[in-house]
Amino acid sequence: MDATKRNLFVIGDVHGCWHTYIKLLQHWNPETELLIQVGDLVDRGLYSNRCLEKSKELEEGFPGRAVFLKGNHELMMIKYLIGEDLRNHWLVNGGKETLSSFANVESLAEEWVDWLGRRDLFWQNDAVFVSHAGISHTNDPFVEENRHGILWNRGLLRDLGKLQVIGHTPQINGRATFISDPPSWNVDTAAFRGVCLTGIKLDMAGALLEEINIPTDPRDIS
């Protein structure tokens, strides 16, 4: 199928909830849909290793049909693994759980820094812009360390003239949140807090086709 004609299946923050993630992925049709995950595959839940491995497997197995964006937790993980996290900021924000999920911690940097570093900050077409935390009114939204930027923003979004689809700020009611002005969907539904993992299906013009909410599997957080 022509890539420009595929529908979108956008998945929110996974945070190491592998069993839940696998259940949600069963709703993806790679023949007709482009999979986009908004970042924060890792940390807090118990299976960050499996979430990373599965995502890399999908990216390699379905070239051009599976997109995994960078979240602030991927950025923190990279900085820790390359020795730039001098205050162990990552460890106290879920990194300990991620380290515990890997049998061979010593090889983590060699195995994952390159893949994590190659994650794009956003995906877009003429009608939809997908990123981890969205584009706000800050002057430098694409600077990764900017606390009001594309990886960290929790404030009002900028009107881009297209629909923004984001994660990062948990929606604890178990449903994705739509805001009409400017138009946006937040698909982070607090999987690591025991709520659910959400994916929304959109057409290429940004119209909602379906919302899927998978309750968090207790094995992922117990």
N, C-alpha and C. Protein backbone atom coordinates (compact mmCIF):
# COMPACT_ATOMS: atom_id res chain seq x y z
N MET A 1 0.84 -1.21 0.00
CA MET A 1 0.00 0.00 0.00
C MET A 1 0.87 1.25 0.00
N ASP A 2 0.45 2.26 -0.75
CA ASP A 2 1.12 3.55 -0.77
C ASP A 2 1.16 4.11 0.66
N ALA A 3 2.38 4.49 1.12
CA ALA A 3 2.54 4.96 2.50
C ALA A 3 1.69 6.18 2.79
N THR A 4 1.41 7.00 1.78
CA THR A 4 0.62 8.21 2.00
C THR A 4 -0.86 7.90 2.20
N LYS A 5 -1.25 6.67 1.95
CA LYS A 5 -2.66 6.28 2.10
C LYS A 5 -2.91 5.45 3.36
N ARG A 6 -1.87 5.15 4.11
CA ARG A 6 -2.04 4.36 5.32
C ARG A 6 -2.72 5.18 6.42
N ASN A 7 -3.55 4.54 7.21
CA ASN A 7 -4.03 5.15 8.44
C ASN A 7 -2.91 5.13 9.47
N LEU A 8 -3.10 5.87 10.55
CA LEU A 8 -2.11 5.96 11.63
C LEU A 8 -2.62 5.22 12.86
N PHE A 9 -1.71 4.53 13.52
CA PHE A 9 -2.02 3.91 14.82
C PHE A 9 -0.97 4.44 15.79
N VAL A 10 -1.38 5.40 16.63
CA VAL A 10 -0.45 6.09 17.53
C VAL A 10 -0.62 5.56 18.94
N ILE A 11 0.48 5.09 19.52
CA ILE A 11 0.49 4.47 20.84
C ILE A 11 1.16 5.40 21.85
N GLY A 12 0.57 5.49 23.03
CA GLY A 12 1.09 6.35 24.08
C GLY A 12 2.27 5.75 24.83
N ASP A 13 2.63 6.38 25.94
CA ASP A 13 3.80 6.02 26.75
C ASP A 13 3.65 4.60 27.30
N VAL A 14 4.62 3.75 27.00
CA VAL A 14 4.57 2.34 27.39
C VAL A 14 5.19 2.13 28.77
N HIS A 15 6.31 2.77 29.04
CA HIS A 15 6.98 2.72 30.34
C HIS A 15 7.18 1.30 30.88
N GLY A 16 7.75 0.45 30.05
CA GLY A 16 8.14 -0.86 30.53
C GLY A 16 7.02 -1.85 30.74
N CYS A 17 5.80 -1.50 30.31
CA CYS A 17 4.64 -2.39 30.52
C CYS A 17 4.50 -3.33 29.32
N TRP A 18 5.35 -4.33 29.27
CA TRP A 18 5.49 -5.18 28.09
C TRP A 18 4.24 -6.02 27.81
N HIS A 19 3.69 -6.68 28.81
CA HIS A 19 2.52 -7.52 28.58
C HIS A 19 1.35 -6.68 28.03
N THR A 20 1.19 -5.50 28.56
CA THR A 20 0.14 -4.59 28.10
C THR A 20 0.42 -4.12 26.68
N TYR A 21 1.66 -3.81 26.41
CA TYR A 21 2.11 -3.36 25.08
C TYR A 21 1.82 -4.42 24.02
N ILE A 22 2.13 -5.66 24.33
CA ILE A 22 1.91 -6.75 23.38
C ILE A 22 0.42 -6.89 23.07
N LYS A 23 -0.42 -6.74 24.08
CA LYS A 23 -1.87 -6.84 23.85
C LYS A 23 -2.35 -5.72 22.93
N LEU A 24 -1.82 -4.52 23.13
CA LEU A 24 -2.23 -3.41 22.27
C LEU A 24 -1.72 -3.59 20.85
N LEU A 25 -0.51 -4.08 20.70
CA LEU A 25 0.05 -4.29 19.36
C LEU A 25 -0.76 -5.29 18.54
N GLN A 26 -1.52 -6.14 19.18
CA GLN A 26 -2.37 -7.08 18.46
C GLN A 26 -3.45 -6.38 17.64
N HIS A 27 -3.68 -5.10 17.94
CA HIS A 27 -4.69 -4.33 17.21
C HIS A 27 -4.09 -3.58 16.01
N TRP A 28 -2.80 -3.72 15.80
CA TRP A 28 -2.14 -3.04 14.68
C TRP A 28 -2.18 -3.90 13.43
N ASN A 29 -2.59 -3.30 12.33
CA ASN A 29 -2.55 -3.96 11.03
C ASN A 29 -1.45 -3.34 10.19
N PRO A 30 -0.28 -3.97 10.11
CA PRO A 30 0.84 -3.37 9.38
C PRO A 30 0.61 -3.24 7.88
N GLU A 31 -0.39 -3.92 7.36
CA GLU A 31 -0.68 -3.81 5.93
C GLU A 31 -1.40 -2.50 5.59
N THR A 32 -2.11 -1.95 6.55
CA THR A 32 -2.92 -0.75 6.26
C THR A 32 -2.61 0.42 7.18
N GLU A 33 -1.78 0.23 8.20
CA GLU A 33 -1.56 1.27 9.21
C GLU A 33 -0.08 1.52 9.46
N LEU A 34 0.25 2.78 9.65
CA LEU A 34 1.58 3.17 10.10
C LEU A 34 1.55 3.24 11.62
N LEU A 35 2.39 2.47 12.27
CA LEU A 35 2.50 2.47 13.72
C LEU A 35 3.45 3.59 14.15
N ILE A 36 3.00 4.42 15.08
CA ILE A 36 3.84 5.47 15.65
C ILE A 36 3.72 5.40 17.17
N GLN A 37 4.84 5.23 17.84
CA GLN A 37 4.86 5.23 19.31
C GLN A 37 5.53 6.52 19.77
N VAL A 38 4.93 7.22 20.73
CA VAL A 38 5.33 8.59 21.04
C VAL A 38 6.54 8.72 21.96
N GLY A 39 7.21 7.62 22.26
CA GLY A 39 8.36 7.70 23.16
C GLY A 39 8.02 7.26 24.57
N ASP A 40 9.05 7.20 25.42
CA ASP A 40 8.94 6.65 26.78
C ASP A 40 8.52 5.18 26.74
N LEU A 41 9.26 4.41 25.97
CA LEU A 41 9.13 2.96 26.02
C LEU A 41 9.63 2.42 27.35
N VAL A 42 10.58 3.13 27.95
CA VAL A 42 11.34 2.60 29.08
C VAL A 42 10.93 3.25 30.41
N ASP A 43 11.44 2.62 31.50
CA ASP A 43 11.38 3.13 32.88
C ASP A 43 10.03 2.89 33.56
N ARG A 44 10.10 2.78 34.87
CA ARG A 44 8.96 2.65 35.78
C ARG A 44 8.35 1.24 35.79
N GLY A 45 7.93 0.72 34.66
CA GLY A 45 7.45 -0.66 34.60
C GLY A 45 8.61 -1.64 34.69
N LEU A 46 8.28 -2.94 34.70
CA LEU A 46 9.28 -3.96 35.00
C LEU A 46 9.97 -4.56 33.78
N TYR A 47 9.52 -4.22 32.57
CA TYR A 47 10.02 -4.93 31.39
C TYR A 47 10.50 -3.98 30.29
N SER A 48 11.28 -2.99 30.65
CA SER A 48 11.80 -2.07 29.63
C SER A 48 12.65 -2.80 28.61
N ASN A 49 13.40 -3.80 29.05
CA ASN A 49 14.23 -4.55 28.10
C ASN A 49 13.39 -5.17 26.99
N ARG A 50 12.29 -5.80 27.35
CA ARG A 50 11.44 -6.44 26.35
C ARG A 50 10.76 -5.41 25.46
N CYS A 51 10.38 -4.28 26.03
CA CYS A 51 9.74 -3.23 25.23
C CYS A 51 10.69 -2.68 24.18
N LEU A 52 11.94 -2.48 24.55
CA LEU A 52 12.94 -2.03 23.59
C LEU A 52 13.19 -3.08 22.52
N GLU A 53 13.37 -4.31 22.95
CA GLU A 53 13.67 -5.38 21.99
C GLU A 53 12.53 -5.57 21.00
N LYS A 54 11.29 -5.55 21.48
CA LYS A 54 10.14 -5.72 20.60
C LYS A 54 10.03 -4.58 19.61
N SER A 55 10.27 -3.36 20.07
CA SER A 55 10.16 -2.20 19.20
C SER A 55 11.24 -2.23 18.12
N LYS A 56 12.44 -2.57 18.49
CA LYS A 56 13.51 -2.68 17.50
C LYS A 56 13.19 -3.77 16.49
N GLU A 57 12.64 -4.87 16.97
CA GLU A 57 12.24 -5.97 16.08
C GLU A 57 11.18 -5.51 15.08
N LEU A 58 10.21 -4.74 15.53
CA LEU A 58 9.16 -4.25 14.64
C LEU A 58 9.72 -3.25 13.63
N GLU A 59 10.58 -2.37 14.08
CA GLU A 59 11.17 -1.39 13.16
C GLU A 59 11.95 -2.08 12.05
N GLU A 60 12.70 -3.13 12.41
CA GLU A 60 13.49 -3.85 11.42
C GLU A 60 12.62 -4.77 10.55
N GLY A 61 11.57 -5.32 11.14
CA GLY A 61 10.72 -6.25 10.40
C GLY A 61 9.70 -5.59 9.50
N PHE A 62 9.35 -4.34 9.81
CA PHE A 62 8.37 -3.61 9.01
C PHE A 62 8.93 -2.25 8.63
N PRO A 63 9.95 -2.22 7.79
CA PRO A 63 10.61 -0.95 7.45
C PRO A 63 9.63 0.05 6.84
N GLY A 64 9.66 1.27 7.40
CA GLY A 64 8.77 2.31 6.93
C GLY A 64 7.36 2.23 7.45
N ARG A 65 7.06 1.21 8.26
CA ARG A 65 5.70 1.03 8.77
C ARG A 65 5.62 1.09 10.29
N ALA A 66 6.76 1.24 10.96
CA ALA A 66 6.79 1.31 12.43
C ALA A 66 7.78 2.39 12.84
N VAL A 67 7.29 3.41 13.52
CA VAL A 67 8.09 4.57 13.92
C VAL A 67 8.09 4.68 15.44
N PHE A 68 9.29 4.77 16.01
CA PHE A 68 9.43 4.88 17.46
C PHE A 68 10.16 6.19 17.77
N LEU A 69 9.43 7.13 18.34
CA LEU A 69 9.97 8.45 18.61
C LEU A 69 10.72 8.49 19.94
N LYS A 70 11.47 9.55 20.13
CA LYS A 70 12.22 9.73 21.37
C LYS A 70 11.34 10.44 22.40
N GLY A 71 11.37 9.93 23.63
CA GLY A 71 10.74 10.60 24.75
C GLY A 71 11.79 11.13 25.70
N ASN A 72 11.36 11.85 26.72
CA ASN A 72 12.32 12.36 27.69
C ASN A 72 13.02 11.24 28.46
N HIS A 73 12.35 10.10 28.62
CA HIS A 73 13.00 8.99 29.34
C HIS A 73 14.07 8.33 28.49
N GLU A 74 13.89 8.28 27.16
CA GLU A 74 14.99 7.81 26.31
C GLU A 74 16.17 8.75 26.39
N LEU A 75 15.90 10.05 26.42
CA LEU A 75 16.98 11.04 26.54
C LEU A 75 17.73 10.84 27.85
N MET A 76 17.00 10.68 28.95
CA MET A 76 17.66 10.48 30.24
C MET A 76 18.49 9.19 30.25
N MET A 77 17.97 8.14 29.63
CA MET A 77 18.69 6.88 29.57
C MET A 77 19.98 7.02 28.79
N ILE A 78 19.92 7.69 27.67
CA ILE A 78 21.13 7.92 26.87
C ILE A 78 22.17 8.65 27.70
N LYS A 79 21.77 9.73 28.34
CA LYS A 79 22.73 10.54 29.10
C LYS A 79 23.37 9.72 30.22
N TYR A 80 22.59 8.87 30.86
CA TYR A 80 23.16 8.01 31.90
C TYR A 80 24.17 7.03 31.31
N LEU A 81 23.81 6.40 30.21
CA LEU A 81 24.67 5.37 29.63
C LEU A 81 25.97 5.93 29.07
N ILE A 82 25.97 7.20 28.66
CA ILE A 82 27.21 7.78 28.13
C ILE A 82 27.95 8.60 29.18
N GLY A 83 27.49 8.52 30.43
CA GLY A 83 28.21 9.15 31.54
C GLY A 83 27.96 10.63 31.73
N GLU A 84 26.84 11.14 31.19
CA GLU A 84 26.55 12.57 31.33
C GLU A 84 25.49 12.87 32.39
N ASP A 85 25.02 11.84 33.07
CA ASP A 85 24.02 12.02 34.12
C ASP A 85 24.73 11.97 35.47
N LEU A 86 25.39 13.07 35.82
CA LEU A 86 26.26 13.07 37.00
C LEU A 86 25.49 13.00 38.31
N ARG A 87 24.22 13.34 38.30
CA ARG A 87 23.41 13.31 39.52
C ARG A 87 22.47 12.11 39.56
N ASN A 88 22.66 11.17 38.65
CA ASN A 88 21.80 9.97 38.60
C ASN A 88 20.32 10.32 38.51
N HIS A 89 20.03 11.37 37.75
CA HIS A 89 18.65 11.82 37.57
C HIS A 89 17.79 10.70 36.98
N TRP A 90 18.35 9.95 36.04
CA TRP A 90 17.60 8.88 35.40
C TRP A 90 17.21 7.79 36.39
N LEU A 91 18.12 7.43 37.28
CA LEU A 91 17.87 6.32 38.19
C LEU A 91 16.67 6.58 39.10
N VAL A 92 16.48 7.81 39.51
CA VAL A 92 15.38 8.12 40.42
C VAL A 92 14.09 8.42 39.65
N ASN A 93 14.14 8.36 38.33
CA ASN A 93 12.95 8.57 37.50
C ASN A 93 12.60 7.33 36.69
N GLY A 94 12.85 6.17 37.29
CA GLY A 94 12.48 4.92 36.66
C GLY A 94 13.63 4.13 36.08
N GLY A 95 14.81 4.72 36.07
CA GLY A 95 15.97 4.03 35.52
C GLY A 95 16.37 2.78 36.29
N LYS A 96 16.14 2.77 37.58
CA LYS A 96 16.49 1.59 38.37
C LYS A 96 15.72 0.37 37.89
N GLU A 97 14.43 0.57 37.60
CA GLU A 97 13.62 -0.54 37.10
C GLU A 97 14.12 -1.01 35.73
N THR A 98 14.54 -0.06 34.91
CA THR A 98 15.06 -0.43 33.59
C THR A 98 16.34 -1.23 33.73
N LEU A 99 17.25 -0.78 34.56
CA LEU A 99 18.50 -1.54 34.76
C LEU A 99 18.20 -2.94 35.27
N SER A 100 17.24 -3.05 36.17
CA SER A 100 16.92 -4.36 36.75
C SER A 100 16.35 -5.33 35.71
N SER A 101 15.80 -4.80 34.63
CA SER A 101 15.20 -5.66 33.61
C SER A 101 16.23 -6.30 32.68
N PHE A 102 17.46 -5.80 32.72
CA PHE A 102 18.52 -6.32 31.86
C PHE A 102 19.44 -7.24 32.65
N ALA A 103 19.74 -8.40 32.09
CA ALA A 103 20.63 -9.35 32.74
C ALA A 103 22.07 -8.86 32.70
N ASN A 104 22.46 -8.22 31.60
CA ASN A 104 23.84 -7.78 31.43
C ASN A 104 23.88 -6.27 31.34
N VAL A 105 23.97 -5.61 32.48
CA VAL A 105 23.94 -4.16 32.53
C VAL A 105 25.20 -3.56 31.88
N GLU A 106 26.30 -4.27 31.96
CA GLU A 106 27.56 -3.75 31.44
C GLU A 106 27.52 -3.51 29.93
N SER A 107 26.67 -4.25 29.22
CA SER A 107 26.62 -4.13 27.76
C SER A 107 25.53 -3.17 27.28
N LEU A 108 24.82 -2.53 28.21
CA LEU A 108 23.68 -1.69 27.83
C LEU A 108 24.05 -0.57 26.87
N ALA A 109 25.11 0.15 27.18
CA ALA A 109 25.50 1.28 26.34
C ALA A 109 25.83 0.82 24.93
N GLU A 110 26.59 -0.26 24.84
CA GLU A 110 26.99 -0.78 23.54
C GLU A 110 25.78 -1.23 22.73
N GLU A 111 24.79 -1.79 23.40
CA GLU A 111 23.63 -2.34 22.71
C GLU A 111 22.60 -1.30 22.32
N TRP A 112 22.44 -0.23 23.14
CA TRP A 112 21.25 0.59 22.98
C TRP A 112 21.48 2.08 22.74
N VAL A 113 22.64 2.63 23.01
CA VAL A 113 22.84 4.07 22.84
C VAL A 113 22.60 4.49 21.39
N ASP A 114 23.12 3.72 20.46
CA ASP A 114 22.96 4.09 19.05
C ASP A 114 21.49 4.06 18.64
N TRP A 115 20.79 2.98 18.97
CA TRP A 115 19.38 2.87 18.57
C TRP A 115 18.54 3.96 19.22
N LEU A 116 18.74 4.19 20.51
CA LEU A 116 17.99 5.24 21.19
C LEU A 116 18.30 6.61 20.62
N GLY A 117 19.57 6.85 20.30
CA GLY A 117 19.97 8.14 19.78
C GLY A 117 19.43 8.44 18.39
N ARG A 118 19.07 7.41 17.64
CA ARG A 118 18.54 7.60 16.29
C ARG A 118 17.03 7.80 16.28
N ARG A 119 16.40 7.86 17.42
CA ARG A 119 14.95 8.11 17.45
C ARG A 119 14.67 9.54 17.00
N ASP A 120 13.72 9.70 16.12
CA ASP A 120 13.30 11.04 15.70
C ASP A 120 12.52 11.72 16.82
N LEU A 121 12.50 13.06 16.78
CA LEU A 121 11.73 13.82 17.76
C LEU A 121 10.27 13.95 17.36
N PHE A 122 9.96 13.76 16.09
CA PHE A 122 8.58 13.91 15.65
C PHE A 122 8.36 13.18 14.33
N TRP A 123 7.08 12.96 14.04
CA TRP A 123 6.63 12.51 12.73
C TRP A 123 5.51 13.44 12.32
N GLN A 124 5.45 13.79 11.03
CA GLN A 124 4.38 14.66 10.59
C GLN A 124 4.01 14.42 9.14
N ASN A 125 2.78 14.80 8.80
CA ASN A 125 2.37 14.94 7.42
C ASN A 125 1.67 16.29 7.31
N ASP A 126 0.87 16.49 6.29
CA ASP A 126 0.24 17.79 6.09
C ASP A 126 -0.81 18.12 7.14
N ALA A 127 -1.32 17.10 7.84
CA ALA A 127 -2.44 17.32 8.76
C ALA A 127 -2.16 16.94 10.20
N VAL A 128 -1.13 16.13 10.44
CA VAL A 128 -0.88 15.56 11.77
C VAL A 128 0.59 15.73 12.15
N PHE A 129 0.82 16.09 13.41
CA PHE A 129 2.17 16.21 13.96
C PHE A 129 2.22 15.39 15.24
N VAL A 130 3.08 14.37 15.27
CA VAL A 130 3.18 13.47 16.43
C VAL A 130 4.53 13.66 17.09
N SER A 131 4.53 13.85 18.40
CA SER A 131 5.77 13.97 19.16
C SER A 131 5.50 13.57 20.60
N HIS A 132 6.55 13.59 21.41
CA HIS A 132 6.37 13.12 22.78
C HIS A 132 5.56 14.09 23.63
N ALA A 133 5.96 15.35 23.66
CA ALA A 133 5.30 16.30 24.56
C ALA A 133 4.71 17.51 23.83
N GLY A 134 4.89 17.59 22.54
CA GLY A 134 4.23 18.64 21.78
C GLY A 134 5.04 19.91 21.62
N ILE A 135 4.58 20.76 20.71
CA ILE A 135 5.22 22.03 20.42
C ILE A 135 4.48 23.12 21.16
N SER A 136 5.19 23.80 22.06
CA SER A 136 4.59 24.87 22.86
C SER A 136 5.05 26.22 22.30
N HIS A 137 4.88 27.27 23.09
CA HIS A 137 5.23 28.61 22.65
C HIS A 137 6.66 29.00 22.99
N THR A 138 7.48 28.06 23.41
CA THR A 138 8.86 28.35 23.70
C THR A 138 9.62 28.69 22.42
N ASN A 139 10.71 29.42 22.56
CA ASN A 139 11.47 29.84 21.38
C ASN A 139 12.24 28.70 20.74
N ASP A 140 12.62 27.69 21.51
CA ASP A 140 13.46 26.61 21.00
C ASP A 140 12.82 25.25 21.29
N PRO A 141 11.68 24.95 20.64
CA PRO A 141 10.96 23.72 20.99
C PRO A 141 11.70 22.44 20.66
N PHE A 142 12.67 22.49 19.74
CA PHE A 142 13.35 21.26 19.32
C PHE A 142 14.67 21.02 20.06
N VAL A 143 15.00 21.86 21.03
CA VAL A 143 16.16 21.62 21.89
C VAL A 143 15.77 20.58 22.92
N GLU A 144 16.45 19.44 22.92
CA GLU A 144 16.02 18.30 23.74
C GLU A 144 16.02 18.59 25.23
N GLU A 145 16.90 19.46 25.70
CA GLU A 145 16.98 19.75 27.13
C GLU A 145 16.04 20.87 27.56
N ASN A 146 15.36 21.51 26.63
CA ASN A 146 14.46 22.60 26.94
C ASN A 146 13.24 22.07 27.70
N ARG A 147 13.05 22.52 28.92
CA ARG A 147 11.97 21.99 29.76
C ARG A 147 10.58 22.40 29.28
N HIS A 148 10.53 23.28 28.29
CA HIS A 148 9.25 23.62 27.68
C HIS A 148 9.20 23.13 26.23
N GLY A 149 10.15 22.26 25.90
CA GLY A 149 10.30 21.81 24.53
C GLY A 149 9.60 20.50 24.23
N ILE A 150 9.94 19.93 23.11
CA ILE A 150 9.22 18.82 22.51
C ILE A 150 9.28 17.52 23.32
N LEU A 151 10.24 17.41 24.25
CA LEU A 151 10.34 16.21 25.08
C LEU A 151 9.79 16.41 26.49
N TRP A 152 9.57 17.67 26.91
CA TRP A 152 9.26 17.92 28.32
C TRP A 152 8.01 18.76 28.56
N ASN A 153 7.49 19.43 27.55
CA ASN A 153 6.43 20.40 27.74
C ASN A 153 5.19 19.80 28.41
N ARG A 154 4.66 20.52 29.38
CA ARG A 154 3.37 20.17 29.97
C ARG A 154 2.39 21.35 29.91
N GLY A 155 2.78 22.39 29.18
CA GLY A 155 1.93 23.57 29.08
C GLY A 155 1.09 23.56 27.82
N LEU A 156 0.56 24.73 27.51
CA LEU A 156 -0.31 24.87 26.34
C LEU A 156 0.48 24.63 25.06
N LEU A 157 -0.19 24.05 24.10
CA LEU A 157 0.44 23.77 22.82
C LEU A 157 0.26 24.96 21.87
N ARG A 158 1.18 25.03 20.93
CA ARG A 158 1.11 26.06 19.90
C ARG A 158 0.19 25.57 18.77
N ASP A 159 -0.50 26.50 18.14
CA ASP A 159 -1.33 26.15 16.99
C ASP A 159 -0.44 25.99 15.77
N LEU A 160 -0.28 24.75 15.31
CA LEU A 160 0.58 24.46 14.17
C LEU A 160 -0.21 24.43 12.86
N GLY A 161 -1.51 24.62 12.94
CA GLY A 161 -2.33 24.47 11.75
C GLY A 161 -2.56 23.02 11.39
N LYS A 162 -2.26 22.13 12.34
CA LYS A 162 -2.49 20.70 12.15
C LYS A 162 -2.71 20.07 13.51
N LEU A 163 -3.23 18.87 13.53
CA LEU A 163 -3.49 18.15 14.77
C LEU A 163 -2.17 17.70 15.40
N GLN A 164 -2.00 17.99 16.69
CA GLN A 164 -0.86 17.44 17.43
C GLN A 164 -1.32 16.20 18.21
N VAL A 165 -0.50 15.15 18.18
CA VAL A 165 -0.75 13.95 18.97
C VAL A 165 0.47 13.75 19.86
N ILE A 166 0.24 13.71 21.17
CA ILE A 166 1.33 13.71 22.14
C ILE A 166 1.08 12.68 23.23
N GLY A 167 2.08 12.52 24.09
CA GLY A 167 1.96 11.74 25.31
C GLY A 167 2.47 12.58 26.46
N HIS A 168 3.31 11.97 27.30
CA HIS A 168 4.11 12.64 28.35
C HIS A 168 3.32 13.00 29.60
N THR A 169 2.15 13.58 29.48
CA THR A 169 1.38 13.98 30.66
C THR A 169 0.25 12.98 30.86
N PRO A 170 0.32 12.15 31.92
CA PRO A 170 -0.65 11.05 32.08
C PRO A 170 -2.09 11.53 32.24
N GLN A 171 -2.97 10.87 31.51
CA GLN A 171 -4.41 11.10 31.62
C GLN A 171 -4.97 9.94 32.45
N ILE A 172 -5.25 10.19 33.72
CA ILE A 172 -5.51 9.10 34.65
C ILE A 172 -6.95 8.59 34.61
N ASN A 173 -7.78 9.17 33.73
CA ASN A 173 -9.15 8.68 33.61
C ASN A 173 -9.25 7.49 32.66
N GLY A 174 -8.11 7.08 32.09
CA GLY A 174 -8.11 5.89 31.25
C GLY A 174 -8.58 6.10 29.84
N ARG A 175 -8.66 7.35 29.41
CA ARG A 175 -9.06 7.68 28.05
C ARG A 175 -8.10 8.73 27.49
N ALA A 176 -7.86 8.65 26.18
CA ALA A 176 -7.12 9.73 25.53
C ALA A 176 -7.93 11.02 25.64
N THR A 177 -7.23 12.14 25.69
CA THR A 177 -7.88 13.44 25.86
C THR A 177 -7.77 14.25 24.58
N PHE A 178 -8.91 14.73 24.08
CA PHE A 178 -8.92 15.61 22.91
C PHE A 178 -9.19 17.03 23.34
N ILE A 179 -8.40 17.95 22.82
CA ILE A 179 -8.62 19.39 23.00
C ILE A 179 -8.80 19.99 21.62
N SER A 180 -9.80 20.84 21.47
CA SER A 180 -10.15 21.35 20.15
C SER A 180 -9.38 22.59 19.73
N ASP A 181 -8.86 23.36 20.70
CA ASP A 181 -8.23 24.63 20.35
C ASP A 181 -6.96 24.86 21.17
N PRO A 182 -5.78 24.69 20.55
CA PRO A 182 -5.57 24.12 19.22
C PRO A 182 -5.79 22.60 19.27
N PRO A 183 -6.09 21.98 18.14
CA PRO A 183 -6.48 20.57 18.15
C PRO A 183 -5.34 19.64 18.56
N SER A 184 -5.61 18.76 19.52
CA SER A 184 -4.58 17.83 19.98
C SER A 184 -5.23 16.62 20.64
N TRP A 185 -4.52 15.51 20.59
CA TRP A 185 -4.84 14.31 21.36
C TRP A 185 -3.67 14.02 22.29
N ASN A 186 -3.95 13.73 23.55
CA ASN A 186 -2.95 13.19 24.46
C ASN A 186 -3.28 11.72 24.68
N VAL A 187 -2.33 10.84 24.33
CA VAL A 187 -2.58 9.40 24.37
C VAL A 187 -1.81 8.69 25.48
N ASP A 188 -1.24 9.45 26.42
CA ASP A 188 -0.60 8.83 27.59
C ASP A 188 -1.67 8.60 28.64
N THR A 189 -2.04 7.33 28.87
CA THR A 189 -3.08 7.03 29.84
C THR A 189 -2.54 6.25 31.03
N ALA A 190 -1.33 6.62 31.46
CA ALA A 190 -0.79 6.19 32.75
C ALA A 190 -0.70 4.68 32.91
N ALA A 191 -0.11 4.02 31.92
CA ALA A 191 0.05 2.56 32.01
C ALA A 191 0.83 2.16 33.25
N PHE A 192 1.89 2.88 33.55
CA PHE A 192 2.75 2.50 34.68
C PHE A 192 2.08 2.75 36.02
N ARG A 193 1.02 3.51 36.03
CA ARG A 193 0.27 3.75 37.27
C ARG A 193 -0.88 2.75 37.43
N GLY A 194 -0.96 1.78 36.53
CA GLY A 194 -1.99 0.77 36.64
C GLY A 194 -3.30 1.14 35.99
N VAL A 195 -3.30 2.14 35.13
CA VAL A 195 -4.54 2.54 34.46
C VAL A 195 -4.67 1.76 33.15
N CYS A 196 -4.12 2.27 32.06
CA CYS A 196 -4.18 1.54 30.80
C CYS A 196 -3.18 2.10 29.81
N LEU A 197 -2.99 1.38 28.73
CA LEU A 197 -2.17 1.81 27.60
C LEU A 197 -3.12 2.05 26.44
N THR A 198 -2.96 3.19 25.78
CA THR A 198 -3.91 3.61 24.76
C THR A 198 -3.25 3.77 23.40
N GLY A 199 -4.00 3.38 22.38
CA GLY A 199 -3.64 3.69 21.01
C GLY A 199 -4.85 4.29 20.31
N ILE A 200 -4.61 5.28 19.46
CA ILE A 200 -5.70 5.83 18.66
C ILE A 200 -5.38 5.63 17.19
N LYS A 201 -6.43 5.33 16.43
CA LYS A 201 -6.30 5.17 14.99
C LYS A 201 -6.90 6.40 14.33
N LEU A 202 -6.11 7.00 13.44
CA LEU A 202 -6.50 8.20 12.71
C LEU A 202 -6.35 7.96 11.22
N ASP A 203 -7.14 8.67 10.42
CA ASP A 203 -6.81 8.66 9.01
C ASP A 203 -5.73 9.71 8.77
N MET A 204 -5.21 9.77 7.56
CA MET A 204 -4.10 10.67 7.28
C MET A 204 -4.46 12.15 7.41
N ALA A 205 -5.77 12.44 7.45
CA ALA A 205 -6.22 13.81 7.65
C ALA A 205 -6.41 14.14 9.12
N GLY A 206 -6.20 13.16 10.01
CA GLY A 206 -6.29 13.39 11.44
C GLY A 206 -7.64 13.07 12.04
N ALA A 207 -8.57 12.53 11.28
CA ALA A 207 -9.88 12.17 11.83
C ALA A 207 -9.77 10.89 12.65
N LEU A 208 -10.39 10.89 13.82
CA LEU A 208 -10.36 9.72 14.70
C LEU A 208 -11.18 8.59 14.10
N LEU A 209 -10.58 7.42 14.03
CA LEU A 209 -11.26 6.21 13.57
C LEU A 209 -11.62 5.28 14.72
N GLU A 210 -10.71 5.19 15.70
CA GLU A 210 -10.93 4.25 16.81
C GLU A 210 -9.97 4.58 17.95
N GLU A 211 -10.44 4.38 19.17
CA GLU A 211 -9.57 4.46 20.36
C GLU A 211 -9.58 3.11 21.04
N ILE A 212 -8.39 2.62 21.38
CA ILE A 212 -8.25 1.32 22.02
C ILE A 212 -7.54 1.51 23.35
N ASN A 213 -8.14 1.03 24.42
CA ASN A 213 -7.58 1.17 25.77
C ASN A 213 -7.38 -0.22 26.37
N ILE A 214 -6.15 -0.57 26.67
CA ILE A 214 -5.82 -1.87 27.24
C ILE A 214 -5.46 -1.68 28.72
N PRO A 215 -6.26 -2.20 29.64
CA PRO A 215 -5.92 -2.07 31.07
C PRO A 215 -4.54 -2.64 31.35
N THR A 216 -3.82 -1.97 32.23
CA THR A 216 -2.47 -2.41 32.55
C THR A 216 -2.48 -3.81 33.13
N ASP A 217 -1.66 -4.69 32.55
CA ASP A 217 -1.49 -6.03 33.07
C ASP A 217 -0.75 -5.94 34.40
N PRO A 218 -1.29 -6.47 35.49
CA PRO A 218 -0.64 -6.35 36.80
C PRO A 218 0.78 -6.87 36.82
N ARG A 219 1.12 -7.81 35.94
CA ARG A 219 2.47 -8.35 35.91
C ARG A 219 3.50 -7.28 35.54
N ASP A 220 3.06 -6.22 34.87
CA ASP A 220 3.99 -5.21 34.41
C ASP A 220 4.43 -4.24 35.49
N ILE A 221 3.69 -4.17 36.59
CA ILE A 221 3.98 -3.15 37.60
C ILE A 221 4.03 -3.68 39.01
N SER A 222 3.70 -4.96 39.21
CA SER A 222 3.59 -5.47 40.57
C SER A 222 4.97 -5.59 41.20
